[in-house]
Amino acid sequence: MTVLVNSRQTSIRTATGVITMAHALNAALADAMAADDTVVVFGEDVGPLGGVFRITDGLYGRFGDGRCFDTPLAESGIVGMAVGMAMNGFRPVVEMQFDAFALPAFEQVVGHVAKMRNRTRGRLTLPMVIRVPYGGGIGAVEHHSDSSEAYYAHTPGLTVVAPATPQDAYSLLRAAIDHPDPVIFLEPKRLYWSKAEADLSVHTGQIGTAAILRRGADATLIAYGGTVPLALQAAEAAAEEGRDLEVVDLRTLVPFDEDTAAASVRETGRAVVIAEAPGFASVATQVAADLTDRCFHYLHAPVARVTGLDIPYPPPHLERHHLPTVDRILAAVADLQWEDR
């Protein structure tokens, strides 16, 4: 990939090619920093090391320690500093090393990040991004594989994004950095090294819009983040059994693109929502409820959910039993009352 920039405003030219999601996120950060001097990146080990997952690799050397720097191991302090910087003209992008590591900062997120615009009647906005590697599938220990998206989605004032492809990772992170209000940017760790064709010279993803990745007529699979590849695999497997499944990638959890999801479900009459997080009081539950409200008279069966179990995240050798699988998705599809066809 070749990136050409001038000293301040960017003129980016990137060749289309197959890249990883990690590469796409790194390019998004670099391009945003080149385009706007107020964009700063900081967190634990994001400087010379380049982050635990190397998402910030090279930024310290290119932009210096005034634009990309390490912080103490204190997530509450990291987010609190970002709040102050955003109030004073910067666009901070902070990294939480793992999903559960962000919990010490949750009071800052709920008490200040989400409320500042409302508290000041719009006089102060917080254009900041909190990057959170989340989800399982990498064989990690406790506190390294959680899916806490429901906490953020439940908090008014936050925008919550979860890309599933390198193209969307780039486009949505650029959009999140440009956003006038705070964004929780959830990065599925299991997809960091996934590869796909991407053109980083264009922004194809918009916050608040879902994407239909596969057309189908019999049922709709709705997924986001790390479960999107599972949904596509399940759709391919179902095709061998004569069932034609549509796949919708939500991309943004808040705001939820209910129109796209509901239009798909009205056409197919059946839906399965797939997510790694435990199912009770989850994003998947909210999506299922909203679709039931919007599509009740079109449904041939209740909206189904395939989620993680309602337990604390298990040890690595048991996570395959906890997380959604293609077989569990196909079983849910099989239960969608097909006898009326």
Protein backbone atom coordinates (compact mmCIF):
# COMPACT_ATOMS: atom_id res chain seq x y z
CA MET A 1 0.00 0.00 0.00
CA THR A 2 1.28 3.46 -0.89
CA VAL A 3 0.13 6.55 0.98
CA LEU A 4 1.08 10.02 -0.23
CA VAL A 5 0.43 12.94 2.13
CA ASN A 6 1.41 16.59 2.30
CA SER A 7 2.42 18.40 5.48
CA ARG A 8 -1.12 19.13 6.74
CA GLN A 9 -4.18 18.30 4.71
CA THR A 10 -4.07 14.82 3.25
CA SER A 11 -4.11 13.71 -0.35
CA ILE A 12 -4.35 9.96 0.03
CA ARG A 13 -3.83 7.52 -2.82
CA THR A 14 -3.99 3.84 -1.95
CA ALA A 15 -4.01 0.88 -4.26
CA THR A 16 -6.80 -1.66 -3.97
CA GLY A 17 -5.59 -4.95 -2.58
CA VAL A 18 -6.07 -7.77 -0.11
CA ILE A 19 -5.22 -6.58 3.41
CA THR A 20 -5.92 -7.58 7.00
CA MET A 21 -8.31 -5.76 9.30
CA ALA A 22 -5.34 -4.82 11.49
CA HIS A 23 -3.65 -3.20 8.47
CA ALA A 24 -6.86 -1.34 7.60
CA LEU A 25 -7.23 0.05 11.12
CA ASN A 26 -3.59 1.12 11.16
CA ALA A 27 -4.03 2.88 7.81
CA ALA A 28 -7.17 4.63 9.06
CA LEU A 29 -5.34 6.01 12.08
CA ALA A 30 -2.36 7.12 10.01
CA ASP A 31 -4.50 8.79 7.36
CA ALA A 32 -6.65 10.55 9.95
CA MET A 33 -3.56 11.84 11.78
CA ALA A 34 -2.06 13.06 8.51
CA ALA A 35 -5.31 14.82 7.61
CA ASP A 36 -5.86 16.58 10.92
CA ASP A 37 -3.22 17.75 13.40
CA THR A 38 -5.75 17.63 16.24
CA VAL A 39 -6.06 13.82 16.02
CA VAL A 40 -3.95 12.21 18.76
CA VAL A 41 -3.59 8.54 19.65
CA PHE A 42 -2.72 7.29 23.11
CA GLY A 43 -3.12 4.35 25.47
CA GLU A 44 -1.16 1.55 27.06
CA ASP A 45 1.84 0.49 24.95
CA VAL A 46 0.53 2.14 21.77
CA GLY A 47 3.72 4.17 21.23
CA PRO A 48 7.05 2.51 20.33
CA LEU A 49 5.58 -1.01 20.77
CA GLY A 50 2.65 -0.31 18.44
CA GLY A 51 -0.02 -1.77 20.73
CA VAL A 52 -0.67 -5.31 21.91
CA PHE A 53 -2.14 -6.17 18.51
CA ARG A 54 0.19 -3.76 16.63
CA ILE A 55 -2.72 -1.63 15.42
CA THR A 56 -0.74 1.55 16.13
CA ASP A 57 2.51 0.22 14.68
CA GLY A 58 4.61 2.98 13.08
CA LEU A 59 2.51 5.92 14.29
CA TYR A 60 4.97 6.90 17.03
CA GLY A 61 7.86 7.00 14.58
CA ARG A 62 5.93 8.89 11.92
CA PHE A 63 4.09 11.47 14.03
CA GLY A 64 6.23 11.71 17.16
CA ASP A 65 5.50 11.34 20.85
CA GLY A 66 3.29 14.42 20.86
CA ARG A 67 0.72 12.73 18.63
CA CYS A 68 1.08 9.05 19.61
CA PHE A 69 2.15 8.25 23.16
CA ASP A 70 2.00 5.73 25.98
CA THR A 71 0.01 6.25 29.17
CA PRO A 72 0.11 4.74 32.65
CA LEU A 73 -1.87 1.55 33.24
CA ALA A 74 -4.97 3.45 34.34
CA GLU A 75 -7.93 3.24 31.98
CA SER A 76 -9.99 5.74 33.95
CA GLY A 77 -7.16 8.26 33.63
CA ILE A 78 -6.79 7.55 29.91
CA VAL A 79 -10.45 8.27 29.18
CA GLY A 80 -10.54 11.20 31.61
CA MET A 81 -7.58 12.79 29.83
CA ALA A 82 -9.32 12.22 26.49
CA VAL A 83 -12.39 14.05 27.79
CA GLY A 84 -10.32 17.08 28.71
CA MET A 85 -8.47 17.06 25.39
CA ALA A 86 -11.71 16.75 23.41
CA MET A 87 -13.18 19.68 25.35
CA ASN A 88 -10.19 21.76 24.28
CA GLY A 89 -10.08 21.22 20.54
CA PHE A 90 -8.40 17.83 20.08
CA ARG A 91 -9.78 14.64 18.57
CA PRO A 92 -8.34 11.92 20.81
CA VAL A 93 -8.39 8.26 19.82
CA VAL A 94 -7.67 6.04 22.82
CA GLU A 95 -7.07 2.31 22.97
CA MET A 96 -8.28 -0.07 25.64
CA GLN A 97 -6.06 -3.14 25.40
CA PHE A 98 -8.94 -5.60 25.91
CA ASP A 99 -12.68 -5.29 26.37
CA ALA A 100 -12.74 -6.06 30.11
CA PHE A 101 -9.78 -3.75 30.72
CA ALA A 102 -12.08 -0.86 29.78
CA LEU A 103 -14.32 -1.43 32.80
CA PRO A 104 -12.24 0.77 35.17
CA ALA A 105 -13.01 3.63 32.75
CA PHE A 106 -16.73 2.91 32.66
CA GLU A 107 -17.59 5.64 35.18
CA GLN A 108 -15.84 8.20 32.95
CA VAL A 109 -17.69 6.85 29.90
CA VAL A 110 -21.14 6.94 31.50
CA GLY A 111 -20.69 9.98 33.74
CA HIS A 112 -18.86 12.32 31.37
CA VAL A 113 -18.23 11.00 27.85
CA ALA A 114 -21.86 10.18 27.14
CA LYS A 115 -23.38 13.16 28.94
CA MET A 116 -21.23 16.18 28.08
CA ARG A 117 -23.27 17.40 25.09
CA ASN A 118 -26.53 17.16 27.02
CA ARG A 119 -25.01 18.57 30.22
CA THR A 120 -23.79 21.70 28.42
CA ARG A 121 -26.86 22.03 26.14
CA GLY A 122 -24.66 21.45 23.12
CA ARG A 123 -22.00 24.01 23.98
CA LEU A 124 -19.39 21.28 24.49
CA THR A 125 -19.11 18.20 22.35
CA LEU A 126 -16.62 15.36 22.72
CA PRO A 127 -15.26 14.28 19.32
CA MET A 128 -13.36 11.26 20.64
CA VAL A 129 -13.04 7.57 19.83
CA ILE A 130 -12.55 4.77 22.36
CA ARG A 131 -11.15 1.74 20.53
CA VAL A 132 -12.01 -1.54 22.26
CA PRO A 133 -10.68 -4.92 21.05
CA TYR A 134 -13.55 -7.23 21.99
CA GLY A 135 -14.91 -10.75 21.68
CA GLY A 136 -13.54 -14.27 21.82
CA GLY A 137 -12.31 -16.86 19.40
CA ILE A 138 -8.60 -16.40 20.12
CA GLY A 139 -8.15 -18.84 23.02
CA ALA A 140 -7.43 -16.12 25.56
CA VAL A 141 -7.86 -16.19 29.32
CA GLU A 142 -10.46 -14.44 31.47
CA HIS A 143 -10.79 -10.65 30.95
CA HIS A 144 -9.43 -10.97 27.40
CA SER A 145 -12.47 -12.23 25.48
CA ASP A 146 -15.51 -10.37 26.81
CA SER A 147 -18.26 -8.83 24.72
CA SER A 148 -19.56 -5.81 26.65
CA GLU A 149 -21.32 -4.00 23.84
CA ALA A 150 -24.67 -3.98 25.67
CA TYR A 151 -23.26 -1.67 28.36
CA TYR A 152 -22.35 0.92 25.77
CA ALA A 153 -25.45 0.46 23.61
CA HIS A 154 -27.60 1.01 26.72
CA THR A 155 -25.91 4.35 27.45
CA PRO A 156 -27.59 7.31 25.71
CA GLY A 157 -25.10 9.70 24.13
CA LEU A 158 -22.75 7.06 22.72
CA THR A 159 -22.39 5.87 19.15
CA VAL A 160 -21.35 2.20 19.01
CA VAL A 161 -19.66 0.71 15.94
CA ALA A 162 -18.53 -2.87 15.21
CA PRO A 163 -16.95 -3.52 11.77
CA ALA A 164 -16.52 -7.00 10.33
CA THR A 165 -14.39 -6.43 7.20
CA PRO A 166 -11.12 -4.62 6.45
CA GLN A 167 -12.99 -2.17 4.21
CA ASP A 168 -15.49 -1.28 6.91
CA ALA A 169 -12.78 -1.16 9.56
CA TYR A 170 -11.02 1.55 7.57
CA SER A 171 -14.09 3.49 6.49
CA LEU A 172 -15.92 3.36 9.81
CA LEU A 173 -12.86 4.30 11.86
CA ARG A 174 -12.29 7.32 9.60
CA ALA A 175 -15.97 8.23 10.04
CA ALA A 176 -15.75 7.71 13.81
CA ILE A 177 -12.75 10.04 14.10
CA ASP A 178 -14.60 12.69 12.08
CA HIS A 179 -17.78 12.27 14.16
CA PRO A 180 -18.70 15.25 16.37
CA ASP A 181 -19.69 13.04 19.32
CA PRO A 182 -18.05 10.14 21.20
CA VAL A 183 -17.79 6.76 19.50
CA ILE A 184 -17.15 3.36 21.06
CA PHE A 185 -15.33 1.49 18.31
CA LEU A 186 -15.50 -2.27 18.91
CA GLU A 187 -12.82 -4.26 17.08
CA PRO A 188 -13.39 -8.03 16.88
CA LYS A 189 -10.04 -9.53 17.88
CA ARG A 190 -10.68 -12.78 16.03
CA LEU A 191 -10.86 -10.81 12.77
CA TYR A 192 -7.69 -8.74 13.16
CA TRP A 193 -5.82 -11.12 10.85
CA SER A 194 -8.69 -11.84 8.46
CA LYS A 195 -7.98 -10.76 4.90
CA ALA A 196 -10.21 -9.28 2.22
CA GLU A 197 -10.12 -6.93 -0.74
CA ALA A 198 -10.25 -3.27 0.27
CA ASP A 199 -9.82 0.11 -1.35
CA LEU A 200 -8.55 2.52 1.28
CA SER A 201 -8.87 5.51 -1.00
CA VAL A 202 -12.64 5.53 -0.56
CA HIS A 203 -15.01 5.66 2.40
CA THR A 204 -17.73 3.08 1.77
CA GLY A 205 -19.04 2.71 5.32
CA GLN A 206 -21.29 5.24 6.99
CA ILE A 207 -22.15 5.27 10.67
CA GLY A 208 -25.73 4.15 11.16
CA THR A 209 -26.05 2.01 8.03
CA ALA A 210 -26.21 -1.77 7.84
CA ALA A 211 -25.01 -3.77 4.83
CA ILE A 212 -26.61 -6.72 3.07
CA LEU A 213 -23.71 -9.06 2.37
CA ARG A 214 -25.69 -11.92 0.82
CA ARG A 215 -29.12 -11.90 -0.75
CA GLY A 216 -31.59 -14.62 0.12
CA ALA A 217 -35.32 -15.35 0.14
CA ASP A 218 -36.01 -17.83 2.94
CA ALA A 219 -34.66 -16.26 6.16
CA THR A 220 -32.44 -13.41 7.35
CA LEU A 221 -29.31 -13.86 9.43
CA ILE A 222 -28.41 -10.67 11.30
CA ALA A 223 -24.91 -10.36 12.73
CA TYR A 224 -22.17 -7.89 13.61
CA GLY A 225 -18.47 -7.93 14.35
CA GLY A 226 -16.96 -11.37 14.83
CA THR A 227 -20.16 -13.27 14.05
CA VAL A 228 -20.52 -11.96 10.50
CA PRO A 229 -18.17 -14.59 8.95
CA LEU A 230 -20.10 -17.27 10.86
CA ALA A 231 -23.37 -16.01 9.38
CA LEU A 232 -21.91 -16.15 5.87
CA GLN A 233 -20.57 -19.67 6.47
CA ALA A 234 -23.96 -20.77 7.78
CA ALA A 235 -25.68 -19.30 4.72
CA GLU A 236 -23.36 -21.26 2.44
CA ALA A 237 -24.00 -24.47 4.39
CA ALA A 238 -27.75 -23.87 4.33
CA ALA A 239 -27.66 -23.46 0.56
CA GLU A 240 -26.50 -27.06 0.30
CA GLU A 241 -29.71 -28.03 2.12
CA GLY A 242 -31.88 -25.96 -0.22
CA ARG A 243 -32.41 -22.94 2.01
CA ASP A 244 -31.61 -19.48 0.70
CA LEU A 245 -30.47 -17.19 3.56
CA GLU A 246 -29.89 -13.47 3.47
CA VAL A 247 -27.06 -12.02 5.63
CA VAL A 248 -27.22 -8.53 7.13
CA ASP A 249 -24.15 -7.00 8.79
CA LEU A 250 -25.34 -4.32 11.24
CA ARG A 251 -21.93 -2.55 11.28
CA THR A 252 -23.32 0.05 13.72
CA LEU A 253 -25.14 -0.97 16.91
CA VAL A 254 -26.09 2.59 17.88
CA PRO A 255 -27.71 4.02 15.87
CA PHE A 256 -29.31 0.74 14.79
CA ASP A 257 -30.27 0.67 11.11
CA GLU A 258 -33.67 -0.79 11.80
CA ASP A 259 -34.98 0.09 8.34
CA THR A 260 -32.50 -2.13 6.48
CA ALA A 261 -32.89 -5.04 8.88
CA ALA A 262 -36.69 -4.79 8.95
CA ALA A 263 -36.96 -4.56 5.16
CA SER A 264 -34.98 -7.78 4.85
CA VAL A 265 -37.07 -9.60 7.46
CA ARG A 266 -40.32 -8.48 5.85
CA GLU A 267 -39.14 -10.06 2.60
CA THR A 268 -37.98 -13.36 4.11
CA GLY A 269 -40.47 -13.71 6.97
CA ARG A 270 -37.90 -15.33 9.26
CA ALA A 271 -34.85 -14.06 11.18
CA VAL A 272 -31.99 -15.23 13.38
CA VAL A 273 -29.86 -12.70 15.28
CA ILE A 274 -26.30 -13.84 16.03
CA ALA A 275 -23.94 -12.39 18.65
CA GLU A 276 -21.10 -13.57 20.90
CA ALA A 277 -22.32 -11.78 24.04
CA PRO A 278 -24.62 -13.56 26.52
CA GLY A 279 -28.20 -13.42 25.29
CA PHE A 280 -30.05 -12.00 28.30
CA ALA A 281 -30.56 -8.21 28.10
CA SER A 282 -28.24 -8.08 25.08
CA VAL A 283 -27.97 -6.19 21.80
CA ALA A 284 -29.25 -9.36 20.11
CA THR A 285 -32.32 -9.32 22.35
CA GLN A 286 -33.00 -5.66 21.52
CA VAL A 287 -32.64 -6.29 17.79
CA ALA A 288 -35.02 -9.26 18.02
CA ALA A 289 -37.56 -7.16 19.94
CA ASP A 290 -37.37 -4.25 17.49
CA LEU A 291 -37.80 -6.57 14.51
CA THR A 292 -40.75 -8.27 16.16
CA ASP A 293 -42.41 -4.87 16.64
CA ARG A 294 -41.71 -3.75 13.07
CA CYS A 295 -42.31 -7.04 11.26
CA PHE A 296 -44.90 -8.88 13.38
CA HIS A 297 -47.45 -9.37 10.62
CA TYR A 298 -44.78 -10.61 8.19
CA LEU A 299 -43.17 -13.20 10.47
CA HIS A 300 -43.73 -16.93 9.97
CA ALA A 301 -41.92 -17.69 13.24
CA PRO A 302 -40.58 -15.81 16.27
CA VAL A 303 -37.25 -14.07 15.73
CA ALA A 304 -34.56 -16.47 16.98
CA ARG A 305 -31.25 -15.69 18.67
CA VAL A 306 -27.95 -17.53 18.71
CA THR A 307 -25.68 -16.00 21.36
CA GLY A 308 -23.05 -16.75 23.93
CA LEU A 309 -24.22 -18.55 27.04
CA ASP A 310 -25.40 -16.58 30.08
CA ILE A 311 -22.24 -17.32 32.03
CA PRO A 312 -18.93 -15.57 32.77
CA TYR A 313 -16.54 -16.12 29.87
CA PRO A 314 -15.17 -19.68 30.15
CA PRO A 315 -11.56 -20.93 30.04
CA PRO A 316 -9.99 -21.15 26.56
CA HIS A 317 -10.56 -24.90 26.14
CA LEU A 318 -14.31 -24.41 26.66
CA GLU A 319 -14.97 -21.31 24.57
CA ARG A 320 -15.98 -23.39 21.54
CA HIS A 321 -19.00 -24.53 23.56
CA HIS A 322 -19.84 -20.99 24.63
CA LEU A 323 -19.63 -19.09 21.35
CA PRO A 324 -22.09 -19.29 18.42
CA THR A 325 -21.18 -21.86 15.78
CA VAL A 326 -22.37 -22.67 12.28
CA ASP A 327 -24.14 -25.76 13.63
CA ARG A 328 -26.01 -23.73 16.26
CA ILE A 329 -27.05 -21.20 13.62
CA LEU A 330 -28.30 -23.94 11.28
CA ALA A 331 -30.22 -25.52 14.15
CA ALA A 332 -31.92 -22.19 14.87
CA VAL A 333 -32.79 -21.82 11.18
CA ALA A 334 -34.26 -25.32 11.15
CA ASP A 335 -36.60 -24.35 14.02
CA LEU A 336 -38.18 -21.43 12.15
CA GLN A 337 -41.47 -23.23 11.39
CA TRP A 338 -40.94 -24.29 7.80
CA GLU A 339 -44.00 -26.52 7.58
CA ASP A 340 -46.15 -23.64 6.30
CA ARG A 341 -44.12 -23.27 3.09
